[in-house]
mmCIF file of all heavy atoms, coordinates in Angstrom:
data_MODEL
# 
_entry.id   MODEL 
# 
loop_
_atom_site.group_PDB 
_atom_site.id 
_atom_site.type_symbol 
_atom_site.label_atom_id 
_atom_site.label_alt_id 
_atom_site.label_comp_id 
_atom_site.label_asym_id 
_atom_site.label_entity_id 
_atom_site.label_seq_id 
_atom_site.pdbx_PDB_ins_code 
_atom_site.Cartn_x 
_atom_site.Cartn_y 
_atom_site.Cartn_z 
_atom_site.occupancy 
_atom_site.B_iso_or_equiv 
_atom_site.pdbx_formal_charge 
_atom_site.auth_seq_id 
_atom_site.auth_comp_id 
_atom_site.auth_asym_id 
_atom_site.auth_atom_id 
_atom_site.pdbx_PDB_model_num 
ATOM 1   N N   . ASN A 1 1  ? 0.828   -1.204 0.000   1.00 0.00 ? 1  ASN A N   1 
ATOM 2   C CA  . ASN A 1 1  ? 0.000   0.000  0.000   1.00 0.00 ? 1  ASN A CA  1 
ATOM 3   C C   . ASN A 1 1  ? 0.864   1.256  0.000   1.00 0.00 ? 1  ASN A C   1 
ATOM 4   O O   . ASN A 1 1  ? 0.551   2.243  -0.676  1.00 0.00 ? 1  ASN A O   1 
ATOM 5   C CB  . ASN A 1 1  ? -0.917  0.002  1.223   1.00 0.00 ? 1  ASN A CB  1 
ATOM 6   C CG  . ASN A 1 1  ? -1.999  -1.056 1.142   1.00 0.00 ? 1  ASN A CG  1 
ATOM 7   O OD1 . ASN A 1 1  ? -2.270  -1.594 0.077   1.00 0.00 ? 1  ASN A OD1 1 
ATOM 8   N ND2 . ASN A 1 1  ? -2.604  -1.378 2.260   1.00 0.00 ? 1  ASN A ND2 1 
ATOM 9   N N   . ALA A 1 2  ? 1.963   1.239  0.763   1.00 0.00 ? 2  ALA A N   1 
ATOM 10  C CA  . ALA A 1 2  ? 2.853   2.402  0.795   1.00 0.00 ? 2  ALA A CA  1 
ATOM 11  C C   . ALA A 1 2  ? 3.478   2.642  -0.572  1.00 0.00 ? 2  ALA A C   1 
ATOM 12  O O   . ALA A 1 2  ? 3.663   3.794  -0.991  1.00 0.00 ? 2  ALA A O   1 
ATOM 13  C CB  . ALA A 1 2  ? 3.940   2.192  1.852   1.00 0.00 ? 2  ALA A CB  1 
ATOM 14  N N   . GLY A 1 3  ? 3.839   1.569  -1.271  1.00 0.00 ? 3  GLY A N   1 
ATOM 15  C CA  . GLY A 1 3  ? 4.399   1.719  -2.610  1.00 0.00 ? 3  GLY A CA  1 
ATOM 16  C C   . GLY A 1 3  ? 3.405   2.309  -3.581  1.00 0.00 ? 3  GLY A C   1 
ATOM 17  O O   . GLY A 1 3  ? 3.751   3.183  -4.402  1.00 0.00 ? 3  GLY A O   1 
ATOM 18  N N   . ALA A 1 4  ? 2.152   1.857  -3.502  1.00 0.00 ? 4  ALA A N   1 
ATOM 19  C CA  . ALA A 1 4  ? 1.123   2.409  -4.375  1.00 0.00 ? 4  ALA A CA  1 
ATOM 20  C C   . ALA A 1 4  ? 0.890   3.886  -4.077  1.00 0.00 ? 4  ALA A C   1 
ATOM 21  O O   . ALA A 1 4  ? 0.752   4.713  -4.987  1.00 0.00 ? 4  ALA A O   1 
ATOM 22  C CB  . ALA A 1 4  ? -0.175  1.615  -4.202  1.00 0.00 ? 4  ALA A CB  1 
ATOM 23  N N   . SER A 1 5  ? 0.860   4.245  -2.797  1.00 0.00 ? 5  SER A N   1 
ATOM 24  C CA  . SER A 1 5  ? 0.653   5.641  -2.413  1.00 0.00 ? 5  SER A CA  1 
ATOM 25  C C   . SER A 1 5  ? 1.787   6.530  -2.915  1.00 0.00 ? 5  SER A C   1 
ATOM 26  O O   . SER A 1 5  ? 1.554   7.613  -3.472  1.00 0.00 ? 5  SER A O   1 
ATOM 27  C CB  . SER A 1 5  ? 0.541   5.754  -0.889  1.00 0.00 ? 5  SER A CB  1 
ATOM 28  O OG  . SER A 1 5  ? -0.561  5.005  -0.401  1.00 0.00 ? 5  SER A OG  1 
ATOM 29  N N   . LEU A 1 6  ? 3.029   6.076  -2.727  1.00 0.00 ? 6  LEU A N   1 
ATOM 30  C CA  . LEU A 1 6  ? 4.164   6.876  -3.158  1.00 0.00 ? 6  LEU A CA  1 
ATOM 31  C C   . LEU A 1 6  ? 4.169   7.058  -4.677  1.00 0.00 ? 6  LEU A C   1 
ATOM 32  O O   . LEU A 1 6  ? 4.471   8.148  -5.184  1.00 0.00 ? 6  LEU A O   1 
ATOM 33  C CB  . LEU A 1 6  ? 5.472   6.218  -2.711  1.00 0.00 ? 6  LEU A CB  1 
ATOM 34  C CG  . LEU A 1 6  ? 6.762   6.922  -3.147  1.00 0.00 ? 6  LEU A CG  1 
ATOM 35  C CD1 . LEU A 1 6  ? 6.794   8.355  -2.623  1.00 0.00 ? 6  LEU A CD1 1 
ATOM 36  C CD2 . LEU A 1 6  ? 7.985   6.154  -2.671  1.00 0.00 ? 6  LEU A CD2 1 
ATOM 37  N N   . ALA A 1 7  ? 3.833   6.012  -5.412  1.00 0.00 ? 7  ALA A N   1 
ATOM 38  C CA  . ALA A 1 7  ? 3.811   6.118  -6.873  1.00 0.00 ? 7  ALA A CA  1 
ATOM 39  C C   . ALA A 1 7  ? 2.803   7.172  -7.321  1.00 0.00 ? 7  ALA A C   1 
ATOM 40  O O   . ALA A 1 7  ? 3.076   7.959  -8.242  1.00 0.00 ? 7  ALA A O   1 
ATOM 41  C CB  . ALA A 1 7  ? 3.473   4.760  -7.489  1.00 0.00 ? 7  ALA A CB  1 
ATOM 42  N N   . ILE A 1 8  ? 1.650   7.213  -6.683  1.00 0.00 ? 8  ILE A N   1 
ATOM 43  C CA  . ILE A 1 8  ? 0.633   8.199  -7.050  1.00 0.00 ? 8  ILE A CA  1 
ATOM 44  C C   . ILE A 1 8  ? 1.109   9.611  -6.714  1.00 0.00 ? 8  ILE A C   1 
ATOM 45  O O   . ILE A 1 8  ? 0.948   10.554 -7.504  1.00 0.00 ? 8  ILE A O   1 
ATOM 46  C CB  . ILE A 1 8  ? -0.694  7.878  -6.348  1.00 0.00 ? 8  ILE A CB  1 
ATOM 47  C CG1 . ILE A 1 8  ? -1.303  6.601  -6.925  1.00 0.00 ? 8  ILE A CG1 1 
ATOM 48  C CG2 . ILE A 1 8  ? -1.676  9.033  -6.507  1.00 0.00 ? 8  ILE A CG2 1 
ATOM 49  C CD1 . ILE A 1 8  ? -2.558  6.149  -6.230  1.00 0.00 ? 8  ILE A CD1 1 
ATOM 50  N N   . VAL A 1 9  ? 1.712   9.787  -5.552  1.00 0.00 ? 9  VAL A N   1 
ATOM 51  C CA  . VAL A 1 9  ? 2.207   11.110 -5.158  1.00 0.00 ? 9  VAL A CA  1 
ATOM 52  C C   . VAL A 1 9  ? 3.316   11.580 -6.094  1.00 0.00 ? 9  VAL A C   1 
ATOM 53  O O   . VAL A 1 9  ? 3.365   12.750 -6.493  1.00 0.00 ? 9  VAL A O   1 
ATOM 54  C CB  . VAL A 1 9  ? 2.690   11.083 -3.695  1.00 0.00 ? 9  VAL A CB  1 
ATOM 55  C CG1 . VAL A 1 9  ? 3.400   12.381 -3.334  1.00 0.00 ? 9  VAL A CG1 1 
ATOM 56  C CG2 . VAL A 1 9  ? 1.516   10.856 -2.756  1.00 0.00 ? 9  VAL A CG2 1 
ATOM 57  N N   . VAL A 1 10 ? 4.224   10.685 -6.470  1.00 0.00 ? 10 VAL A N   1 
ATOM 58  C CA  . VAL A 1 10 ? 5.279   11.039 -7.420  1.00 0.00 ? 10 VAL A CA  1 
ATOM 59  C C   . VAL A 1 10 ? 4.674   11.434 -8.761  1.00 0.00 ? 10 VAL A C   1 
ATOM 60  O O   . VAL A 1 10 ? 5.107   12.413 -9.402  1.00 0.00 ? 10 VAL A O   1 
ATOM 61  C CB  . VAL A 1 10 ? 6.266   9.871  -7.588  1.00 0.00 ? 10 VAL A CB  1 
ATOM 62  C CG1 . VAL A 1 10 ? 7.204   10.107 -8.763  1.00 0.00 ? 10 VAL A CG1 1 
ATOM 63  C CG2 . VAL A 1 10 ? 7.071   9.667  -6.310  1.00 0.00 ? 10 VAL A CG2 1 
ATOM 64  N N   . GLY A 1 11 ? 3.656   10.686 -9.196  1.00 0.00 ? 11 GLY A N   1 
ATOM 65  C CA  . GLY A 1 11 ? 3.005   11.013 -10.459 1.00 0.00 ? 11 GLY A CA  1 
ATOM 66  C C   . GLY A 1 11 ? 2.342   12.382 -10.434 1.00 0.00 ? 11 GLY A C   1 
ATOM 67  O O   . GLY A 1 11 ? 2.411   13.140 -11.411 1.00 0.00 ? 11 GLY A O   1 
ATOM 68  N N   . ILE A 1 12 ? 1.711   12.716 -9.309  1.00 0.00 ? 12 ILE A N   1 
ATOM 69  C CA  . ILE A 1 12 ? 1.067   14.023 -9.178  1.00 0.00 ? 12 ILE A CA  1 
ATOM 70  C C   . ILE A 1 12 ? 2.111   15.139 -9.103  1.00 0.00 ? 12 ILE A C   1 
ATOM 71  O O   . ILE A 1 12 ? 2.005   16.177 -9.765  1.00 0.00 ? 12 ILE A O   1 
ATOM 72  C CB  . ILE A 1 12 ? 0.169   14.055 -7.931  1.00 0.00 ? 12 ILE A CB  1 
ATOM 73  C CG1 . ILE A 1 12 ? -0.995  13.074 -8.077  1.00 0.00 ? 12 ILE A CG1 1 
ATOM 74  C CG2 . ILE A 1 12 ? -0.375  15.469 -7.700  1.00 0.00 ? 12 ILE A CG2 1 
ATOM 75  C CD1 . ILE A 1 12 ? -1.818  12.926 -6.812  1.00 0.00 ? 12 ILE A CD1 1 
ATOM 76  N N   . THR A 1 13 ? 3.144   14.928 -8.284  1.00 0.00 ? 13 THR A N   1 
ATOM 77  C CA  . THR A 1 13 ? 4.122   15.978 -7.999  1.00 0.00 ? 13 THR A CA  1 
ATOM 78  C C   . THR A 1 13 ? 5.021   16.285 -9.195  1.00 0.00 ? 13 THR A C   1 
ATOM 79  O O   . THR A 1 13 ? 5.240   17.451 -9.540  1.00 0.00 ? 13 THR A O   1 
ATOM 80  C CB  . THR A 1 13 ? 4.990   15.571 -6.794  1.00 0.00 ? 13 THR A CB  1 
ATOM 81  O OG1 . THR A 1 13 ? 4.154   15.332 -5.668  1.00 0.00 ? 13 THR A OG1 1 
ATOM 82  C CG2 . THR A 1 13 ? 5.992   16.668 -6.454  1.00 0.00 ? 13 THR A CG2 1 
ATOM 83  N N   . PHE A 1 14 ? 5.556   15.265 -9.846  1.00 0.00 ? 14 PHE A N   1 
ATOM 84  C CA  . PHE A 1 14 ? 6.577   15.475 -10.867 1.00 0.00 ? 14 PHE A CA  1 
ATOM 85  C C   . PHE A 1 14 ? 6.053   15.359 -12.301 1.00 0.00 ? 14 PHE A C   1 
ATOM 86  O O   . PHE A 1 14 ? 6.683   15.891 -13.224 1.00 0.00 ? 14 PHE A O   1 
ATOM 87  C CB  . PHE A 1 14 ? 7.718   14.479 -10.674 1.00 0.00 ? 14 PHE A CB  1 
ATOM 88  C CG  . PHE A 1 14 ? 8.442   14.647 -9.372  1.00 0.00 ? 14 PHE A CG  1 
ATOM 89  C CD1 . PHE A 1 14 ? 8.246   13.742 -8.334  1.00 0.00 ? 14 PHE A CD1 1 
ATOM 90  C CD2 . PHE A 1 14 ? 9.294   15.715 -9.161  1.00 0.00 ? 14 PHE A CD2 1 
ATOM 91  C CE1 . PHE A 1 14 ? 8.910   13.887 -7.127  1.00 0.00 ? 14 PHE A CE1 1 
ATOM 92  C CE2 . PHE A 1 14 ? 9.966   15.872 -7.954  1.00 0.00 ? 14 PHE A CE2 1 
ATOM 93  C CZ  . PHE A 1 14 ? 9.767   14.966 -6.920  1.00 0.00 ? 14 PHE A CZ  1 
ATOM 94  N N   . PHE A 1 15 ? 4.928   14.673 -12.493 1.00 0.00 ? 15 PHE A N   1 
ATOM 95  C CA  . PHE A 1 15 ? 4.439   14.466 -13.851 1.00 0.00 ? 15 PHE A CA  1 
ATOM 96  C C   . PHE A 1 15 ? 3.030   15.011 -14.076 1.00 0.00 ? 15 PHE A C   1 
ATOM 97  O O   . PHE A 1 15 ? 2.500   14.902 -15.180 1.00 0.00 ? 15 PHE A O   1 
ATOM 98  C CB  . PHE A 1 15 ? 4.478   12.971 -14.199 1.00 0.00 ? 15 PHE A CB  1 
ATOM 99  C CG  . PHE A 1 15 ? 5.844   12.365 -14.055 1.00 0.00 ? 15 PHE A CG  1 
ATOM 100 C CD1 . PHE A 1 15 ? 6.170   11.608 -12.932 1.00 0.00 ? 15 PHE A CD1 1 
ATOM 101 C CD2 . PHE A 1 15 ? 6.816   12.555 -15.018 1.00 0.00 ? 15 PHE A CD2 1 
ATOM 102 C CE1 . PHE A 1 15 ? 7.426   11.048 -12.785 1.00 0.00 ? 15 PHE A CE1 1 
ATOM 103 C CE2 . PHE A 1 15 ? 8.082   11.999 -14.883 1.00 0.00 ? 15 PHE A CE2 1 
ATOM 104 C CZ  . PHE A 1 15 ? 8.387   11.248 -13.764 1.00 0.00 ? 15 PHE A CZ  1 
ATOM 105 N N   . GLY A 1 16 ? 2.426   15.565 -13.035 1.00 0.00 ? 16 GLY A N   1 
ATOM 106 C CA  . GLY A 1 16 ? 1.108   16.170 -13.189 1.00 0.00 ? 16 GLY A CA  1 
ATOM 107 C C   . GLY A 1 16 ? 0.009   15.192 -13.545 1.00 0.00 ? 16 GLY A C   1 
ATOM 108 O O   . GLY A 1 16 ? -0.985  15.570 -14.186 1.00 0.00 ? 16 GLY A O   1 
ATOM 109 N N   . ILE A 1 17 ? 0.145   13.944 -13.156 1.00 0.00 ? 17 ILE A N   1 
ATOM 110 C CA  . ILE A 1 17 ? -0.864  12.922 -13.476 1.00 0.00 ? 17 ILE A CA  1 
ATOM 111 C C   . ILE A 1 17 ? -2.001  13.024 -12.456 1.00 0.00 ? 17 ILE A C   1 
ATOM 112 O O   . ILE A 1 17 ? -1.820  12.697 -11.286 1.00 0.00 ? 17 ILE A O   1 
ATOM 113 C CB  . ILE A 1 17 ? -0.252  11.519 -13.464 1.00 0.00 ? 17 ILE A CB  1 
ATOM 114 C CG1 . ILE A 1 17 ? 0.845   11.419 -14.523 1.00 0.00 ? 17 ILE A CG1 1 
ATOM 115 C CG2 . ILE A 1 17 ? -1.323  10.458 -13.705 1.00 0.00 ? 17 ILE A CG2 1 
ATOM 116 C CD1 . ILE A 1 17 ? 1.589   10.101 -14.528 1.00 0.00 ? 17 ILE A CD1 1 
ATOM 117 N N   . ARG A 1 18 ? -3.160  13.480 -12.894 1.00 0.00 ? 18 ARG A N   1 
ATOM 118 C CA  . ARG A 1 18 ? -4.293  13.654 -11.990 1.00 0.00 ? 18 ARG A CA  1 
ATOM 119 C C   . ARG A 1 18 ? -5.527  12.864 -12.423 1.00 0.00 ? 18 ARG A C   1 
ATOM 120 O O   . ARG A 1 18 ? -6.535  12.874 -11.728 1.00 0.00 ? 18 ARG A O   1 
ATOM 121 C CB  . ARG A 1 18 ? -4.650  15.134 -11.870 1.00 0.00 ? 18 ARG A CB  1 
ATOM 122 C CG  . ARG A 1 18 ? -3.615  15.927 -11.068 1.00 0.00 ? 18 ARG A CG  1 
ATOM 123 C CD  . ARG A 1 18 ? -3.916  17.416 -11.062 1.00 0.00 ? 18 ARG A CD  1 
ATOM 124 N NE  . ARG A 1 18 ? -3.094  18.100 -10.088 1.00 0.00 ? 18 ARG A NE  1 
ATOM 125 C CZ  . ARG A 1 18 ? -1.820  18.425 -10.254 1.00 0.00 ? 18 ARG A CZ  1 
ATOM 126 N NH1 . ARG A 1 18 ? -1.233  18.107 -11.401 1.00 0.00 ? 18 ARG A NH1 1 
ATOM 127 N NH2 . ARG A 1 18 ? -1.141  19.050 -9.318  1.00 0.00 ? 18 ARG A NH2 1 
ATOM 128 N N   . THR A 1 19 ? -5.469  12.202 -13.570 1.00 0.00 ? 19 THR A N   1 
ATOM 129 C CA  . THR A 1 19 ? -6.598  11.391 -14.006 1.00 0.00 ? 19 THR A CA  1 
ATOM 130 C C   . THR A 1 19 ? -6.620  10.078 -13.238 1.00 0.00 ? 19 THR A C   1 
ATOM 131 O O   . THR A 1 19 ? -5.563  9.552  -12.844 1.00 0.00 ? 19 THR A O   1 
ATOM 132 C CB  . THR A 1 19 ? -6.509  11.081 -15.506 1.00 0.00 ? 19 THR A CB  1 
ATOM 133 O OG1 . THR A 1 19 ? -5.320  10.309 -15.760 1.00 0.00 ? 19 THR A OG1 1 
ATOM 134 C CG2 . THR A 1 19 ? -6.451  12.376 -16.312 1.00 0.00 ? 19 THR A CG2 1 
ATOM 135 N N   . PHE A 1 20 ? -7.820  9.565  -13.023 1.00 0.00 ? 20 PHE A N   1 
ATOM 136 C CA  . PHE A 1 20 ? -7.931  8.328  -12.252 1.00 0.00 ? 20 PHE A CA  1 
ATOM 137 C C   . PHE A 1 20 ? -7.253  7.159  -12.956 1.00 0.00 ? 20 PHE A C   1 
ATOM 138 O O   . PHE A 1 20 ? -6.569  6.347  -12.326 1.00 0.00 ? 20 PHE A O   1 
ATOM 139 C CB  . PHE A 1 20 ? -9.392  7.992  -11.996 1.00 0.00 ? 20 PHE A CB  1 
ATOM 140 C CG  . PHE A 1 20 ? -9.592  6.632  -11.385 1.00 0.00 ? 20 PHE A CG  1 
ATOM 141 C CD1 . PHE A 1 20 ? -9.191  6.377  -10.094 1.00 0.00 ? 20 PHE A CD1 1 
ATOM 142 C CD2 . PHE A 1 20 ? -10.142 5.600  -12.126 1.00 0.00 ? 20 PHE A CD2 1 
ATOM 143 C CE1 . PHE A 1 20 ? -9.340  5.124  -9.532  1.00 0.00 ? 20 PHE A CE1 1 
ATOM 144 C CE2 . PHE A 1 20 ? -10.301 4.342  -11.572 1.00 0.00 ? 20 PHE A CE2 1 
ATOM 145 C CZ  . PHE A 1 20 ? -9.904  4.110  -10.279 1.00 0.00 ? 20 PHE A CZ  1 
ATOM 146 N N   . SER A 1 21 ? -7.422  7.068  -14.282 1.00 0.00 ? 21 SER A N   1 
ATOM 147 C CA  . SER A 1 21 ? -6.823  5.941  -14.999 1.00 0.00 ? 21 SER A CA  1 
ATOM 148 C C   . SER A 1 21 ? -5.300  5.969  -14.889 1.00 0.00 ? 21 SER A C   1 
ATOM 149 O O   . SER A 1 21 ? -4.652  4.939  -14.704 1.00 0.00 ? 21 SER A O   1 
ATOM 150 C CB  . SER A 1 21 ? -7.247  5.967  -16.466 1.00 0.00 ? 21 SER A CB  1 
ATOM 151 O OG  . SER A 1 21 ? -6.872  7.198  -17.081 1.00 0.00 ? 21 SER A OG  1 
ATOM 152 N N   . GLY A 1 22 ? -4.714  7.185  -14.986 1.00 0.00 ? 22 GLY A N   1 
ATOM 153 C CA  . GLY A 1 22 ? -3.269  7.290  -14.839 1.00 0.00 ? 22 GLY A CA  1 
ATOM 154 C C   . GLY A 1 22 ? -2.806  6.909  -13.449 1.00 0.00 ? 22 GLY A C   1 
ATOM 155 O O   . GLY A 1 22 ? -1.803  6.199  -13.281 1.00 0.00 ? 22 GLY A O   1 
ATOM 156 N N   . GLN A 1 23 ? -3.539  7.376  -12.419 1.00 0.00 ? 23 GLN A N   1 
ATOM 157 C CA  . GLN A 1 23 ? -3.167  7.052  -11.045 1.00 0.00 ? 23 GLN A CA  1 
ATOM 158 C C   . GLN A 1 23 ? -3.350  5.567  -10.752 1.00 0.00 ? 23 GLN A C   1 
ATOM 159 O O   . GLN A 1 23 ? -2.604  4.982  -9.953  1.00 0.00 ? 23 GLN A O   1 
ATOM 160 C CB  . GLN A 1 23 ? -3.991  7.895  -10.075 1.00 0.00 ? 23 GLN A CB  1 
ATOM 161 C CG  . GLN A 1 23 ? -3.654  9.372  -10.128 1.00 0.00 ? 23 GLN A CG  1 
ATOM 162 C CD  . GLN A 1 23 ? -4.492  10.201 -9.182  1.00 0.00 ? 23 GLN A CD  1 
ATOM 163 O OE1 . GLN A 1 23 ? -5.368  9.672  -8.479  1.00 0.00 ? 23 GLN A OE1 1 
ATOM 164 N NE2 . GLN A 1 23 ? -4.251  11.499 -9.155  1.00 0.00 ? 23 GLN A NE2 1 
ATOM 165 N N   . LEU A 1 24 ? -4.325  4.955  -11.388 1.00 0.00 ? 24 LEU A N   1 
ATOM 166 C CA  . LEU A 1 24 ? -4.558  3.523  -11.174 1.00 0.00 ? 24 LEU A CA  1 
ATOM 167 C C   . LEU A 1 24 ? -3.344  2.706  -11.611 1.00 0.00 ? 24 LEU A C   1 
ATOM 168 O O   . LEU A 1 24 ? -2.856  1.838  -10.874 1.00 0.00 ? 24 LEU A O   1 
ATOM 169 C CB  . LEU A 1 24 ? -5.801  3.090  -11.945 1.00 0.00 ? 24 LEU A CB  1 
ATOM 170 C CG  . LEU A 1 24 ? -6.273  1.645  -11.751 1.00 0.00 ? 24 LEU A CG  1 
ATOM 171 C CD1 . LEU A 1 24 ? -7.780  1.586  -11.864 1.00 0.00 ? 24 LEU A CD1 1 
ATOM 172 C CD2 . LEU A 1 24 ? -5.659  0.721  -12.792 1.00 0.00 ? 24 LEU A CD2 1 
# 
């Protein structure tokens, strides 16, 4: 779960990924 959370935060912070499909 921590790995999944960190991946989403990295995607938001550095790549601007905010769509649900991208975060999934």
